[in-house]
Structure formats: C-alpha cells, structure tokens
Amino acid sequence: MDSTTCLAIAKEQGFIPYALSFDYGQRNNYELESAKKLVNAFQVLDHKVIQIDLRAFGGSALTDTIDVPKDTEFESNKIPITYVPARNTIFLSFALAWAETLNAYDIFIGVNALDYSGYPDCRPEYIKSFQNMANLATKTGVENELQLTIHTPLINLTKAEIIQKGIALGIDYSLTHSCYDPSAKGQPCGHCDSCQLRLNGFLETGYKDPLKYQD
C-alpha cells in the first residue's frame, strides 16, 4: 500500500517511474503479483524483479521458520521479529545501482516513520545517511553537479493520511497486498502487524478496505 502510494505521488510530481521489486525469499509472493498488476495500471516504463535469497541469513519471521506474530501491541522500544535485517539498505543499494545506469538522480521509497512497525531503516536519519553515502560512493554523485536524492513522501504521514492521499490520486487499493501471513489463496490474515496498521488506517479515514480478509 505504501509503495503504491509512493509511486502515485512520484507520477503526480512529473517523474517517469522505473519500478523495482524484490523476490527476497519472503514467506509469500502475493505482493509481487500485486506489483505486476500495479505497474501495468500505472503504465510504468520498466519494472524489474530482483531475486535475492535472504533466507540464507534468516533472522526474521518473513525469511525464516519463525511464526508471524498476531494481534500484538506495538512496543516503541522493541524491534519486532518481522524486521528483515538490512532489507531497506539492500533494496536502496540495488535502486542506486539501477539509477546510475539510467542517469537518474531521484529514488523514491515508501518508508514511513509514524505508523510503522518499529523498523530502524524507516527513519528520516537513516534515509539522510544513505543519501549522503550515495553521493559519496557513486560516479553520479562525484562527477555531476546534480546530487542524488532519496525521496520519502510518506515518511511523516499516518496510515490514514497515506490512504487519503492515495484515494485522492485515484489508487485502486484492491490491487495492493500488505499481509505478512496470507492464506494459500492470498487472503490477508487481518491479525499481523501489517494488516492491523492497514485496517486501522482505513478505519480512521472512514473508507472501507477493499480487500477480503480471512475472517
């Protein structure tokens, strides 16, 4: 949902988007199926799906034989087991490499620092540090007057504000997928952190979530 809204915002701002998805050994591929539908709906110029098997390291309920927590309360001082070690750093590094070959200076990522699950790689200070590194470590950053920019249009929005923005931009959220632990048919569980954040966001806006949940 966040990545889709981020894509819509990039298009609204006049950017021609190239979309990047990752098959990283996550528990299911429904989000990748959703991504393929969404890039068609948004008429993205090019869409790449990169394969990286983070199951080789594990350490997360999304890439290891660890149960996905359900109906848990958010603890501000504790990073949840659904955190995938260094995931956004890996994703942004691939995006940076592709941006260099495209002579692109703008990278968008749908991270959010308010209604999120406590992931350290969603914070503004992390994004700022990665952007500084990107301009130090690339040919693009060293040889050109323009600087690489990591855009995070959702970083200071609540889930409800993200949904309201997306609806205003005409997003069909029935095409999106958020659940960490869906059924074999792809139905969201409604109880994992991601589902709970999504459902609460829709509840606050007064709009109905178009997805059909397991219960």
N, C-alpha and C. Protein backbone atom coordinates (compact mmCIF):
# COMPACT_ATOMS: atom_id res chain seq x y z
N MET A 1 0.82 -1.20 0.00
CA MET A 1 0.00 0.00 0.00
C MET A 1 0.86 1.26 0.00
N ASP A 2 1.90 1.28 0.84
CA ASP A 2 2.77 2.46 0.91
C ASP A 2 3.56 2.65 -0.39
N SER A 3 4.11 1.56 -0.93
CA SER A 3 4.89 1.67 -2.16
C SER A 3 4.02 2.16 -3.32
N THR A 4 2.76 1.68 -3.36
CA THR A 4 1.84 2.10 -4.41
C THR A 4 1.53 3.58 -4.31
N THR A 5 1.28 4.05 -3.10
CA THR A 5 1.01 5.47 -2.90
C THR A 5 2.23 6.30 -3.27
N CYS A 6 3.40 5.81 -2.92
CA CYS A 6 4.65 6.49 -3.26
C CYS A 6 4.80 6.60 -4.78
N LEU A 7 4.48 5.52 -5.49
CA LEU A 7 4.54 5.52 -6.95
C LEU A 7 3.59 6.56 -7.53
N ALA A 8 2.36 6.61 -7.00
CA ALA A 8 1.37 7.57 -7.49
C ALA A 8 1.83 9.01 -7.27
N ILE A 9 2.46 9.26 -6.13
CA ILE A 9 2.96 10.60 -5.83
C ILE A 9 4.09 10.98 -6.78
N ALA A 10 4.99 10.04 -7.06
CA ALA A 10 6.08 10.30 -8.00
C ALA A 10 5.54 10.69 -9.37
N LYS A 11 4.52 9.97 -9.83
CA LYS A 11 3.91 10.28 -11.12
C LYS A 11 3.23 11.65 -11.08
N GLU A 12 2.55 11.93 -9.96
CA GLU A 12 1.87 13.22 -9.82
C GLU A 12 2.87 14.37 -9.89
N GLN A 13 4.08 14.14 -9.39
CA GLN A 13 5.11 15.19 -9.39
C GLN A 13 5.84 15.30 -10.73
N GLY A 14 5.44 14.48 -11.70
CA GLY A 14 6.00 14.61 -13.04
C GLY A 14 7.16 13.68 -13.35
N PHE A 15 7.49 12.77 -12.46
CA PHE A 15 8.58 11.83 -12.71
C PHE A 15 8.09 10.68 -13.61
N ILE A 16 9.01 10.16 -14.43
CA ILE A 16 8.74 8.97 -15.24
C ILE A 16 9.30 7.79 -14.45
N PRO A 17 8.43 6.95 -13.88
CA PRO A 17 8.93 5.94 -12.94
C PRO A 17 9.45 4.65 -13.58
N TYR A 18 10.52 4.15 -13.01
CA TYR A 18 11.03 2.81 -13.24
C TYR A 18 10.82 2.08 -11.91
N ALA A 19 10.15 0.94 -11.94
CA ALA A 19 9.77 0.28 -10.69
C ALA A 19 10.66 -0.92 -10.41
N LEU A 20 10.96 -1.10 -9.12
CA LEU A 20 11.85 -2.17 -8.69
C LEU A 20 11.17 -2.97 -7.58
N SER A 21 11.06 -4.28 -7.78
CA SER A 21 10.50 -5.18 -6.77
C SER A 21 11.54 -6.24 -6.43
N PHE A 22 11.35 -6.90 -5.29
CA PHE A 22 12.34 -7.88 -4.83
C PHE A 22 11.70 -9.19 -4.43
N ASP A 23 12.20 -10.25 -5.01
CA ASP A 23 11.85 -11.61 -4.57
C ASP A 23 13.00 -12.04 -3.67
N TYR A 24 12.84 -11.79 -2.36
CA TYR A 24 13.97 -11.95 -1.44
C TYR A 24 13.82 -13.17 -0.53
N GLY A 25 12.93 -14.08 -0.91
CA GLY A 25 12.71 -15.26 -0.09
C GLY A 25 11.67 -15.05 0.98
N GLN A 26 10.82 -14.01 0.79
CA GLN A 26 9.76 -13.74 1.75
C GLN A 26 8.75 -14.88 1.76
N ARG A 27 7.92 -14.89 2.79
CA ARG A 27 7.00 -16.01 3.04
C ARG A 27 6.03 -16.26 1.89
N ASN A 28 5.71 -15.24 1.12
CA ASN A 28 4.77 -15.43 0.00
C ASN A 28 5.11 -14.46 -1.12
N ASN A 29 4.58 -14.74 -2.30
CA ASN A 29 4.85 -13.91 -3.47
C ASN A 29 3.64 -13.09 -3.89
N TYR A 30 2.63 -13.00 -3.05
CA TYR A 30 1.44 -12.26 -3.43
C TYR A 30 1.71 -10.77 -3.64
N GLU A 31 2.65 -10.23 -2.87
CA GLU A 31 2.98 -8.83 -3.07
C GLU A 31 3.63 -8.61 -4.43
N LEU A 32 4.37 -9.60 -4.93
CA LEU A 32 4.97 -9.48 -6.25
C LEU A 32 3.92 -9.58 -7.34
N GLU A 33 2.92 -10.42 -7.13
CA GLU A 33 1.81 -10.49 -8.09
C GLU A 33 1.06 -9.16 -8.12
N SER A 34 0.87 -8.57 -6.95
CA SER A 34 0.22 -7.26 -6.89
C SER A 34 1.07 -6.21 -7.60
N ALA A 35 2.37 -6.26 -7.41
CA ALA A 35 3.26 -5.28 -8.03
C ALA A 35 3.15 -5.31 -9.56
N LYS A 36 3.04 -6.50 -10.13
CA LYS A 36 2.92 -6.63 -11.58
C LYS A 36 1.63 -6.00 -12.08
N LYS A 37 0.53 -6.17 -11.34
CA LYS A 37 -0.74 -5.55 -11.72
C LYS A 37 -0.65 -4.03 -11.61
N LEU A 38 0.03 -3.57 -10.56
CA LEU A 38 0.10 -2.13 -10.31
C LEU A 38 0.96 -1.40 -11.33
N VAL A 39 2.08 -1.99 -11.73
CA VAL A 39 2.92 -1.30 -12.71
C VAL A 39 2.21 -1.20 -14.06
N ASN A 40 1.36 -2.17 -14.35
CA ASN A 40 0.54 -2.08 -15.57
C ASN A 40 -0.49 -0.97 -15.44
N ALA A 41 -1.12 -0.90 -14.27
CA ALA A 41 -2.13 0.14 -14.04
C ALA A 41 -1.52 1.53 -14.11
N PHE A 42 -0.29 1.67 -13.64
CA PHE A 42 0.38 2.97 -13.64
C PHE A 42 1.21 3.22 -14.90
N GLN A 43 1.21 2.27 -15.81
CA GLN A 43 1.97 2.39 -17.07
C GLN A 43 3.43 2.76 -16.81
N VAL A 44 4.04 1.99 -15.91
CA VAL A 44 5.45 2.19 -15.58
C VAL A 44 6.32 1.85 -16.79
N LEU A 45 7.34 2.63 -17.02
CA LEU A 45 8.17 2.45 -18.21
C LEU A 45 8.92 1.12 -18.19
N ASP A 46 9.42 0.73 -17.02
CA ASP A 46 10.12 -0.54 -16.89
C ASP A 46 9.97 -1.04 -15.46
N HIS A 47 9.86 -2.35 -15.31
CA HIS A 47 9.71 -2.95 -13.98
C HIS A 47 10.63 -4.15 -13.89
N LYS A 48 11.52 -4.12 -12.92
CA LYS A 48 12.43 -5.24 -12.71
C LYS A 48 12.12 -5.92 -11.38
N VAL A 49 12.17 -7.25 -11.39
CA VAL A 49 12.03 -8.03 -10.16
C VAL A 49 13.38 -8.68 -9.89
N ILE A 50 14.01 -8.27 -8.81
CA ILE A 50 15.35 -8.74 -8.47
C ILE A 50 15.25 -9.90 -7.48
N GLN A 51 15.99 -10.94 -7.74
CA GLN A 51 15.99 -12.11 -6.85
C GLN A 51 17.20 -12.08 -5.91
N ILE A 52 16.92 -12.06 -4.62
CA ILE A 52 17.96 -12.14 -3.58
C ILE A 52 17.40 -13.05 -2.50
N ASP A 53 18.06 -14.12 -2.19
CA ASP A 53 17.52 -15.06 -1.22
C ASP A 53 18.03 -14.76 0.18
N LEU A 54 17.29 -13.91 0.91
CA LEU A 54 17.68 -13.55 2.26
C LEU A 54 17.37 -14.65 3.27
N ARG A 55 16.76 -15.75 2.80
CA ARG A 55 16.58 -16.91 3.67
C ARG A 55 17.92 -17.52 4.05
N ALA A 56 18.95 -17.23 3.26
CA ALA A 56 20.29 -17.74 3.58
C ALA A 56 20.76 -17.23 4.93
N PHE A 57 20.25 -16.06 5.34
CA PHE A 57 20.62 -15.47 6.63
C PHE A 57 19.52 -15.66 7.67
N GLY A 58 18.26 -15.65 7.23
CA GLY A 58 17.15 -15.78 8.17
C GLY A 58 17.07 -14.60 9.12
N GLY A 59 16.71 -14.90 10.36
CA GLY A 59 16.66 -13.87 11.39
C GLY A 59 15.41 -13.02 11.40
N SER A 60 14.40 -13.42 10.60
CA SER A 60 13.15 -12.67 10.54
C SER A 60 12.00 -13.64 10.34
N ALA A 61 10.83 -13.27 10.85
CA ALA A 61 9.65 -14.11 10.63
C ALA A 61 9.24 -14.13 9.16
N LEU A 62 9.76 -13.20 8.36
CA LEU A 62 9.43 -13.17 6.94
C LEU A 62 10.37 -14.01 6.10
N THR A 63 11.52 -14.39 6.65
CA THR A 63 12.51 -15.15 5.87
C THR A 63 13.03 -16.38 6.60
N ASP A 64 12.38 -16.77 7.68
CA ASP A 64 12.86 -17.87 8.49
C ASP A 64 11.66 -18.68 9.01
N THR A 65 11.94 -19.78 9.66
CA THR A 65 10.86 -20.63 10.19
C THR A 65 10.43 -20.12 11.57
N ILE A 66 10.00 -18.88 11.59
CA ILE A 66 9.54 -18.21 12.81
C ILE A 66 8.10 -17.78 12.57
N ASP A 67 7.23 -18.04 13.52
CA ASP A 67 5.83 -17.67 13.37
C ASP A 67 5.67 -16.15 13.29
N VAL A 68 4.79 -15.72 12.40
CA VAL A 68 4.46 -14.29 12.32
C VAL A 68 3.58 -13.92 13.52
N PRO A 69 3.98 -12.94 14.32
CA PRO A 69 3.17 -12.54 15.48
C PRO A 69 1.79 -12.03 15.04
N LYS A 70 0.79 -12.34 15.83
CA LYS A 70 -0.58 -11.90 15.54
C LYS A 70 -1.17 -11.17 16.73
N ASP A 71 -1.93 -10.12 16.44
CA ASP A 71 -2.66 -9.34 17.46
C ASP A 71 -1.73 -8.87 18.59
N THR A 72 -0.57 -8.38 18.21
CA THR A 72 0.39 -7.90 19.21
C THR A 72 0.27 -6.39 19.39
N GLU A 73 0.67 -5.91 20.54
CA GLU A 73 0.69 -4.47 20.79
C GLU A 73 2.07 -3.93 20.44
N PHE A 74 2.07 -2.76 19.80
CA PHE A 74 3.33 -2.14 19.39
C PHE A 74 4.11 -1.67 20.61
N GLU A 75 5.40 -2.06 20.65
CA GLU A 75 6.29 -1.62 21.73
C GLU A 75 7.36 -0.71 21.14
N SER A 76 7.37 0.54 21.55
CA SER A 76 8.23 1.55 20.94
C SER A 76 9.72 1.26 21.12
N ASN A 77 10.07 0.50 22.14
CA ASN A 77 11.48 0.24 22.43
C ASN A 77 11.94 -1.13 21.94
N LYS A 78 11.11 -1.79 21.15
CA LYS A 78 11.45 -3.14 20.71
C LYS A 78 11.21 -3.30 19.21
N ILE A 79 12.23 -3.78 18.50
CA ILE A 79 12.11 -4.02 17.07
C ILE A 79 11.48 -5.39 16.87
N PRO A 80 10.37 -5.50 16.14
CA PRO A 80 9.65 -6.77 16.02
C PRO A 80 10.40 -7.80 15.18
N ILE A 81 10.00 -9.06 15.33
CA ILE A 81 10.66 -10.17 14.65
C ILE A 81 10.37 -10.16 13.15
N THR A 82 9.42 -9.34 12.69
CA THR A 82 9.16 -9.23 11.25
C THR A 82 10.16 -8.30 10.55
N TYR A 83 11.02 -7.64 11.32
CA TYR A 83 12.10 -6.85 10.73
C TYR A 83 13.06 -7.78 10.00
N VAL A 84 13.35 -7.46 8.73
CA VAL A 84 14.31 -8.24 7.94
C VAL A 84 15.65 -7.51 7.98
N PRO A 85 16.70 -8.12 8.52
CA PRO A 85 17.98 -7.44 8.68
C PRO A 85 18.48 -6.75 7.42
N ALA A 86 18.68 -5.44 7.53
CA ALA A 86 19.28 -4.60 6.49
C ALA A 86 18.48 -4.56 5.19
N ARG A 87 17.19 -4.91 5.22
CA ARG A 87 16.42 -5.03 3.98
C ARG A 87 16.38 -3.73 3.17
N ASN A 88 16.05 -2.61 3.80
CA ASN A 88 15.96 -1.37 3.03
C ASN A 88 17.32 -0.91 2.52
N THR A 89 18.38 -1.22 3.26
CA THR A 89 19.72 -0.90 2.77
C THR A 89 20.03 -1.69 1.51
N ILE A 90 19.66 -2.96 1.50
CA ILE A 90 19.85 -3.80 0.32
C ILE A 90 19.01 -3.29 -0.85
N PHE A 91 17.73 -3.00 -0.58
CA PHE A 91 16.83 -2.53 -1.63
C PHE A 91 17.32 -1.21 -2.23
N LEU A 92 17.68 -0.27 -1.36
CA LEU A 92 18.13 1.03 -1.84
C LEU A 92 19.45 0.93 -2.61
N SER A 93 20.30 -0.01 -2.22
CA SER A 93 21.56 -0.19 -2.94
C SER A 93 21.31 -0.66 -4.38
N PHE A 94 20.37 -1.57 -4.55
CA PHE A 94 20.00 -2.00 -5.90
C PHE A 94 19.37 -0.86 -6.69
N ALA A 95 18.50 -0.09 -6.04
CA ALA A 95 17.88 1.05 -6.70
C ALA A 95 18.93 2.08 -7.12
N LEU A 96 19.92 2.28 -6.27
CA LEU A 96 21.01 3.21 -6.56
C LEU A 96 21.81 2.75 -7.77
N ALA A 97 22.11 1.47 -7.83
CA ALA A 97 22.87 0.93 -8.97
C ALA A 97 22.09 1.11 -10.27
N TRP A 98 20.79 0.83 -10.23
CA TRP A 98 19.98 0.99 -11.45
C TRP A 98 19.87 2.47 -11.83
N ALA A 99 19.70 3.34 -10.83
CA ALA A 99 19.60 4.77 -11.10
C ALA A 99 20.85 5.28 -11.82
N GLU A 100 22.00 4.78 -11.42
CA GLU A 100 23.25 5.21 -12.09
C GLU A 100 23.25 4.85 -13.57
N THR A 101 22.79 3.64 -13.88
CA THR A 101 22.80 3.22 -15.29
C THR A 101 21.75 3.97 -16.11
N LEU A 102 20.72 4.49 -15.44
CA LEU A 102 19.66 5.24 -16.13
C LEU A 102 19.95 6.74 -16.17
N ASN A 103 21.05 7.16 -15.56
CA ASN A 103 21.35 8.59 -15.40
C ASN A 103 20.20 9.29 -14.66
N ALA A 104 19.66 8.60 -13.66
CA ALA A 104 18.58 9.15 -12.85
C ALA A 104 19.14 9.66 -11.53
N TYR A 105 18.54 10.72 -11.03
CA TYR A 105 19.03 11.34 -9.79
C TYR A 105 18.02 11.25 -8.65
N ASP A 106 16.89 10.61 -8.91
CA ASP A 106 15.82 10.60 -7.92
C ASP A 106 15.34 9.17 -7.65
N ILE A 107 15.38 8.78 -6.38
CA ILE A 107 14.92 7.47 -5.95
C ILE A 107 13.80 7.66 -4.93
N PHE A 108 12.67 7.02 -5.17
CA PHE A 108 11.53 7.10 -4.26
C PHE A 108 11.40 5.79 -3.49
N ILE A 109 11.09 5.90 -2.21
CA ILE A 109 10.85 4.72 -1.38
C ILE A 109 9.74 5.04 -0.40
N GLY A 110 8.82 4.09 -0.20
CA GLY A 110 7.63 4.35 0.60
C GLY A 110 7.78 4.09 2.09
N VAL A 111 8.92 4.46 2.66
CA VAL A 111 9.10 4.26 4.11
C VAL A 111 8.28 5.26 4.89
N ASN A 112 7.94 4.88 6.12
CA ASN A 112 7.09 5.70 6.96
C ASN A 112 7.56 5.61 8.41
N ALA A 113 7.71 6.76 9.05
CA ALA A 113 8.27 6.80 10.41
C ALA A 113 7.22 6.99 11.50
N LEU A 114 5.95 7.09 11.13
CA LEU A 114 4.91 7.29 12.14
C LEU A 114 4.16 5.99 12.41
N ASP A 115 3.25 5.62 11.52
CA ASP A 115 2.51 4.36 11.69
C ASP A 115 3.29 3.24 11.04
N TYR A 116 4.28 2.72 11.72
CA TYR A 116 5.12 1.67 11.18
C TYR A 116 5.39 0.66 12.28
N SER A 117 6.10 -0.39 11.97
CA SER A 117 6.28 -1.47 12.93
C SER A 117 7.57 -1.38 13.74
N GLY A 118 8.18 -0.23 13.78
CA GLY A 118 9.38 -0.06 14.59
C GLY A 118 10.67 -0.42 13.87
N TYR A 119 10.66 -0.40 12.54
CA TYR A 119 11.86 -0.78 11.79
C TYR A 119 12.86 0.38 11.76
N PRO A 120 14.12 0.14 12.11
CA PRO A 120 15.10 1.23 12.16
C PRO A 120 15.44 1.81 10.80
N ASP A 121 15.23 1.04 9.72
CA ASP A 121 15.57 1.54 8.38
C ASP A 121 14.38 2.24 7.71
N CYS A 122 13.45 2.75 8.53
CA CYS A 122 12.35 3.58 8.03
C CYS A 122 12.43 5.01 8.58
N ARG A 123 13.50 5.30 9.32
CA ARG A 123 13.61 6.59 9.99
C ARG A 123 14.27 7.66 9.11
N PRO A 124 13.91 8.94 9.29
CA PRO A 124 14.49 10.02 8.48
C PRO A 124 16.01 10.08 8.57
N GLU A 125 16.58 9.83 9.76
CA GLU A 125 18.03 9.91 9.91
C GLU A 125 18.74 8.82 9.10
N TYR A 126 18.08 7.67 8.98
CA TYR A 126 18.66 6.60 8.15
C TYR A 126 18.65 7.00 6.68
N ILE A 127 17.53 7.53 6.21
CA ILE A 127 17.42 7.94 4.80
C ILE A 127 18.45 9.03 4.49
N LYS A 128 18.60 9.99 5.38
CA LYS A 128 19.57 11.07 5.19
C LYS A 128 20.99 10.50 5.09
N SER A 129 21.30 9.54 5.94
CA SER A 129 22.64 8.93 5.92
C SER A 129 22.88 8.16 4.62
N PHE A 130 21.86 7.43 4.16
CA PHE A 130 22.02 6.68 2.91
C PHE A 130 22.21 7.64 1.74
N GLN A 131 21.47 8.72 1.73
CA GLN A 131 21.61 9.70 0.65
C GLN A 131 23.02 10.30 0.63
N ASN A 132 23.54 10.63 1.81
CA ASN A 132 24.92 11.14 1.88
C ASN A 132 25.91 10.12 1.34
N MET A 133 25.73 8.87 1.74
CA MET A 133 26.60 7.80 1.27
C MET A 133 26.51 7.65 -0.24
N ALA A 134 25.29 7.71 -0.78
CA ALA A 134 25.06 7.54 -2.22
C ALA A 134 25.82 8.59 -3.02
N ASN A 135 25.86 9.80 -2.53
CA ASN A 135 26.56 10.87 -3.26
C ASN A 135 28.07 10.80 -3.09
N LEU A 136 28.54 10.11 -2.07
CA LEU A 136 29.97 9.91 -1.87
C LEU A 136 30.50 8.70 -2.64
N ALA A 137 29.65 7.69 -2.82
CA ALA A 137 30.13 6.39 -3.28
C ALA A 137 29.83 6.07 -4.74
N THR A 138 29.28 7.03 -5.49
CA THR A 138 28.90 6.75 -6.87
C THR A 138 29.55 7.72 -7.84
N LYS A 139 29.73 7.26 -9.05
CA LYS A 139 30.22 8.11 -10.13
C LYS A 139 29.27 9.28 -10.36
N THR A 140 27.97 8.96 -10.30
CA THR A 140 26.96 10.00 -10.49
C THR A 140 27.13 11.11 -9.47
N GLY A 141 27.32 10.76 -8.21
CA GLY A 141 27.44 11.75 -7.16
C GLY A 141 28.71 12.56 -7.22
N VAL A 142 29.80 11.95 -7.69
CA VAL A 142 31.11 12.60 -7.69
C VAL A 142 31.32 13.49 -8.92
N GLU A 143 30.89 13.01 -10.10
CA GLU A 143 31.23 13.70 -11.35
C GLU A 143 30.18 14.70 -11.83
N ASN A 144 29.02 14.74 -11.22
CA ASN A 144 27.95 15.60 -11.71
C ASN A 144 27.59 16.68 -10.71
N GLU A 145 27.06 17.78 -11.26
CA GLU A 145 26.64 18.88 -10.40
C GLU A 145 25.38 18.52 -9.63
N LEU A 146 24.50 17.73 -10.26
CA LEU A 146 23.28 17.31 -9.59
C LEU A 146 23.58 16.26 -8.52
N GLN A 147 22.84 16.29 -7.46
CA GLN A 147 23.01 15.33 -6.38
C GLN A 147 21.87 14.30 -6.41
N LEU A 148 22.20 13.06 -6.05
CA LEU A 148 21.18 12.04 -5.90
C LEU A 148 20.29 12.37 -4.70
N THR A 149 18.99 12.18 -4.88
CA THR A 149 18.04 12.46 -3.81
C THR A 149 17.18 11.24 -3.54
N ILE A 150 17.06 10.87 -2.26
CA ILE A 150 16.16 9.81 -1.85
C ILE A 150 14.87 10.48 -1.39
N HIS A 151 13.79 10.27 -2.13
CA HIS A 151 12.50 10.89 -1.81
C HIS A 151 11.69 9.96 -0.92
N THR A 152 11.16 10.51 0.15
CA THR A 152 10.32 9.73 1.08
C THR A 152 9.03 10.51 1.36
N PRO A 153 8.14 10.57 0.39
CA PRO A 153 6.94 11.43 0.54
C PRO A 153 5.98 10.98 1.63
N LEU A 154 6.13 9.76 2.13
CA LEU A 154 5.20 9.25 3.15
C LEU A 154 5.78 9.29 4.55
N ILE A 155 7.01 9.72 4.69
CA ILE A 155 7.74 9.47 5.94
C ILE A 155 7.09 10.10 7.16
N ASN A 156 6.40 11.23 6.99
CA ASN A 156 5.78 11.90 8.13
C ASN A 156 4.25 11.83 8.11
N LEU A 157 3.70 10.85 7.36
CA LEU A 157 2.25 10.70 7.28
C LEU A 157 1.79 9.52 8.12
N THR A 158 0.59 9.62 8.67
CA THR A 158 -0.03 8.47 9.31
C THR A 158 -0.57 7.55 8.23
N LYS A 159 -0.93 6.31 8.60
CA LYS A 159 -1.51 5.40 7.64
C LYS A 159 -2.80 5.98 7.05
N ALA A 160 -3.60 6.62 7.92
CA ALA A 160 -4.84 7.23 7.44
C ALA A 160 -4.55 8.32 6.41
N GLU A 161 -3.54 9.14 6.65
CA GLU A 161 -3.19 10.20 5.71
C GLU A 161 -2.66 9.63 4.39
N ILE A 162 -1.92 8.52 4.49
CA ILE A 162 -1.43 7.85 3.28
C ILE A 162 -2.60 7.36 2.43
N ILE A 163 -3.58 6.73 3.08
CA ILE A 163 -4.75 6.22 2.38
C ILE A 163 -5.54 7.36 1.75
N GLN A 164 -5.75 8.44 2.49
CA GLN A 164 -6.48 9.59 1.96
C GLN A 164 -5.77 10.18 0.74
N LYS A 165 -4.45 10.27 0.82
CA LYS A 165 -3.67 10.78 -0.30
C LYS A 165 -3.83 9.86 -1.51
N GLY A 166 -3.73 8.55 -1.27
CA GLY A 166 -3.84 7.59 -2.37
C GLY A 166 -5.21 7.61 -3.03
N ILE A 167 -6.25 7.70 -2.23
CA ILE A 167 -7.60 7.75 -2.78
C ILE A 167 -7.79 9.02 -3.62
N ALA A 168 -7.24 10.12 -3.13
CA ALA A 168 -7.31 11.39 -3.89
C ALA A 168 -6.59 11.27 -5.24
N LEU A 169 -5.58 10.40 -5.29
CA LEU A 169 -4.83 10.20 -6.53
C LEU A 169 -5.43 9.09 -7.40
N GLY A 170 -6.53 8.51 -6.94
CA GLY A 170 -7.23 7.51 -7.74
C GLY A 170 -6.69 6.10 -7.63
N ILE A 171 -5.96 5.79 -6.57
CA ILE A 171 -5.41 4.43 -6.41
C ILE A 171 -6.52 3.43 -6.12
N ASP A 172 -6.44 2.30 -6.80
CA ASP A 172 -7.34 1.17 -6.50
C ASP A 172 -6.60 0.27 -5.51
N TYR A 173 -6.92 0.42 -4.22
CA TYR A 173 -6.20 -0.32 -3.19
C TYR A 173 -6.55 -1.81 -3.16
N SER A 174 -7.54 -2.20 -3.96
CA SER A 174 -7.84 -3.64 -4.06
C SER A 174 -6.73 -4.38 -4.80
N LEU A 175 -5.88 -3.65 -5.51
CA LEU A 175 -4.75 -4.26 -6.22
C LEU A 175 -3.54 -4.46 -5.32
N THR A 176 -3.57 -3.88 -4.13
CA THR A 176 -2.40 -3.92 -3.26
C THR A 176 -2.46 -5.13 -2.33
N HIS A 177 -1.31 -5.45 -1.77
CA HIS A 177 -1.20 -6.57 -0.82
C HIS A 177 -0.30 -6.13 0.33
N SER A 178 -0.75 -6.39 1.57
CA SER A 178 0.01 -5.93 2.74
C SER A 178 0.36 -7.04 3.72
N CYS A 179 -0.38 -8.14 3.69
CA CYS A 179 -0.30 -9.15 4.75
C CYS A 179 1.03 -9.90 4.77
N TYR A 180 1.53 -10.13 5.99
CA TYR A 180 2.75 -10.91 6.18
C TYR A 180 2.50 -12.43 6.11
N ASP A 181 1.24 -12.82 6.40
CA ASP A 181 0.96 -14.25 6.52
C ASP A 181 -0.41 -14.60 5.92
N PRO A 182 -0.57 -14.44 4.61
CA PRO A 182 -1.87 -14.69 3.98
C PRO A 182 -2.18 -16.18 3.86
N SER A 183 -3.41 -16.47 3.49
CA SER A 183 -3.81 -17.86 3.26
C SER A 183 -3.19 -18.36 1.96
N ALA A 184 -3.39 -19.65 1.69
CA ALA A 184 -2.86 -20.24 0.47
C ALA A 184 -3.45 -19.58 -0.77
N LYS A 185 -4.63 -18.97 -0.62
CA LYS A 185 -5.27 -18.29 -1.75
C LYS A 185 -4.96 -16.79 -1.78
N GLY A 186 -4.12 -16.36 -0.85
CA GLY A 186 -3.71 -14.95 -0.84
C GLY A 186 -4.58 -14.04 -0.01
N GLN A 187 -5.54 -14.57 0.72
CA GLN A 187 -6.37 -13.71 1.57
C GLN A 187 -5.58 -13.24 2.78
N PRO A 188 -5.60 -11.94 3.07
CA PRO A 188 -4.87 -11.43 4.24
C PRO A 188 -5.45 -11.94 5.54
N CYS A 189 -4.56 -12.11 6.54
CA CYS A 189 -4.97 -12.71 7.82
C CYS A 189 -5.78 -11.74 8.68
N GLY A 190 -5.46 -10.44 8.58
CA GLY A 190 -6.15 -9.44 9.39
C GLY A 190 -5.60 -9.29 10.79
N HIS A 191 -4.56 -10.06 11.14
CA HIS A 191 -4.07 -10.07 12.52
C HIS A 191 -2.58 -9.75 12.67
N CYS A 192 -1.80 -9.81 11.59
CA CYS A 192 -0.38 -9.47 11.69
C CYS A 192 -0.23 -7.95 11.81
N ASP A 193 0.97 -7.49 12.15
CA ASP A 193 1.19 -6.05 12.32
C ASP A 193 0.80 -5.25 11.09
N SER A 194 1.18 -5.75 9.92
CA SER A 194 0.92 -5.04 8.68
C SER A 194 -0.58 -4.91 8.41
N CYS A 195 -1.31 -6.00 8.60
CA CYS A 195 -2.77 -5.96 8.43
C CYS A 195 -3.41 -5.00 9.43
N GLN A 196 -2.96 -5.05 10.68
CA GLN A 196 -3.54 -4.21 11.72
C GLN A 196 -3.32 -2.73 11.42
N LEU A 197 -2.13 -2.38 10.98
CA LEU A 197 -1.84 -0.98 10.63
C LEU A 197 -2.71 -0.54 9.46
N ARG A 198 -2.86 -1.41 8.48
CA ARG A 198 -3.68 -1.09 7.31
C ARG A 198 -5.15 -0.93 7.70
N LEU A 199 -5.68 -1.88 8.46
CA LEU A 199 -7.09 -1.83 8.86
C LEU A 199 -7.39 -0.60 9.72
N ASN A 200 -6.48 -0.30 10.64
CA ASN A 200 -6.67 0.89 11.49
C ASN A 200 -6.64 2.17 10.66
N GLY A 201 -5.78 2.19 9.64
CA GLY A 201 -5.71 3.35 8.76
C GLY A 201 -7.01 3.57 8.02
N PHE A 202 -7.56 2.49 7.46
CA PHE A 202 -8.85 2.61 6.77
C PHE A 202 -9.96 3.01 7.74
N LEU A 203 -9.93 2.45 8.95
CA LEU A 203 -10.95 2.77 9.95
C LEU A 203 -10.94 4.26 10.27
N GLU A 204 -9.76 4.84 10.39
CA GLU A 204 -9.64 6.26 10.72
C GLU A 204 -10.12 7.15 9.59
N THR A 205 -9.98 6.70 8.36
CA THR A 205 -10.42 7.53 7.22
C THR A 205 -11.92 7.44 6.98
N GLY A 206 -12.53 6.35 7.44
CA GLY A 206 -13.95 6.14 7.15
C GLY A 206 -14.19 5.38 5.86
N TYR A 207 -13.12 5.08 5.13
CA TYR A 207 -13.24 4.28 3.92
C TYR A 207 -13.17 2.79 4.28
N LYS A 208 -13.76 1.96 3.43
CA LYS A 208 -13.71 0.52 3.65
C LYS A 208 -12.53 -0.08 2.90
N ASP A 209 -11.76 -0.90 3.56
CA ASP A 209 -10.66 -1.60 2.91
C ASP A 209 -11.26 -2.56 1.87
N PRO A 210 -10.86 -2.44 0.60
CA PRO A 210 -11.46 -3.28 -0.44
C PRO A 210 -11.00 -4.74 -0.43
N LEU A 211 -9.99 -5.07 0.39
CA LEU A 211 -9.53 -6.44 0.44
C LEU A 211 -10.49 -7.32 1.25
N LYS A 212 -10.57 -8.60 0.88
CA LYS A 212 -11.37 -9.57 1.61
C LYS A 212 -10.47 -10.34 2.57
N TYR A 213 -10.72 -10.21 3.85
CA TYR A 213 -9.89 -10.84 4.87
C TYR A 213 -10.41 -12.25 5.21
N GLN A 214 -9.54 -13.03 5.85
CA GLN A 214 -9.90 -14.41 6.18
C GLN A 214 -11.07 -14.49 7.15
N ASP A 215 -11.16 -13.53 8.08
CA ASP A 215 -12.30 -13.51 9.00
C ASP A 215 -12.65 -12.06 9.34
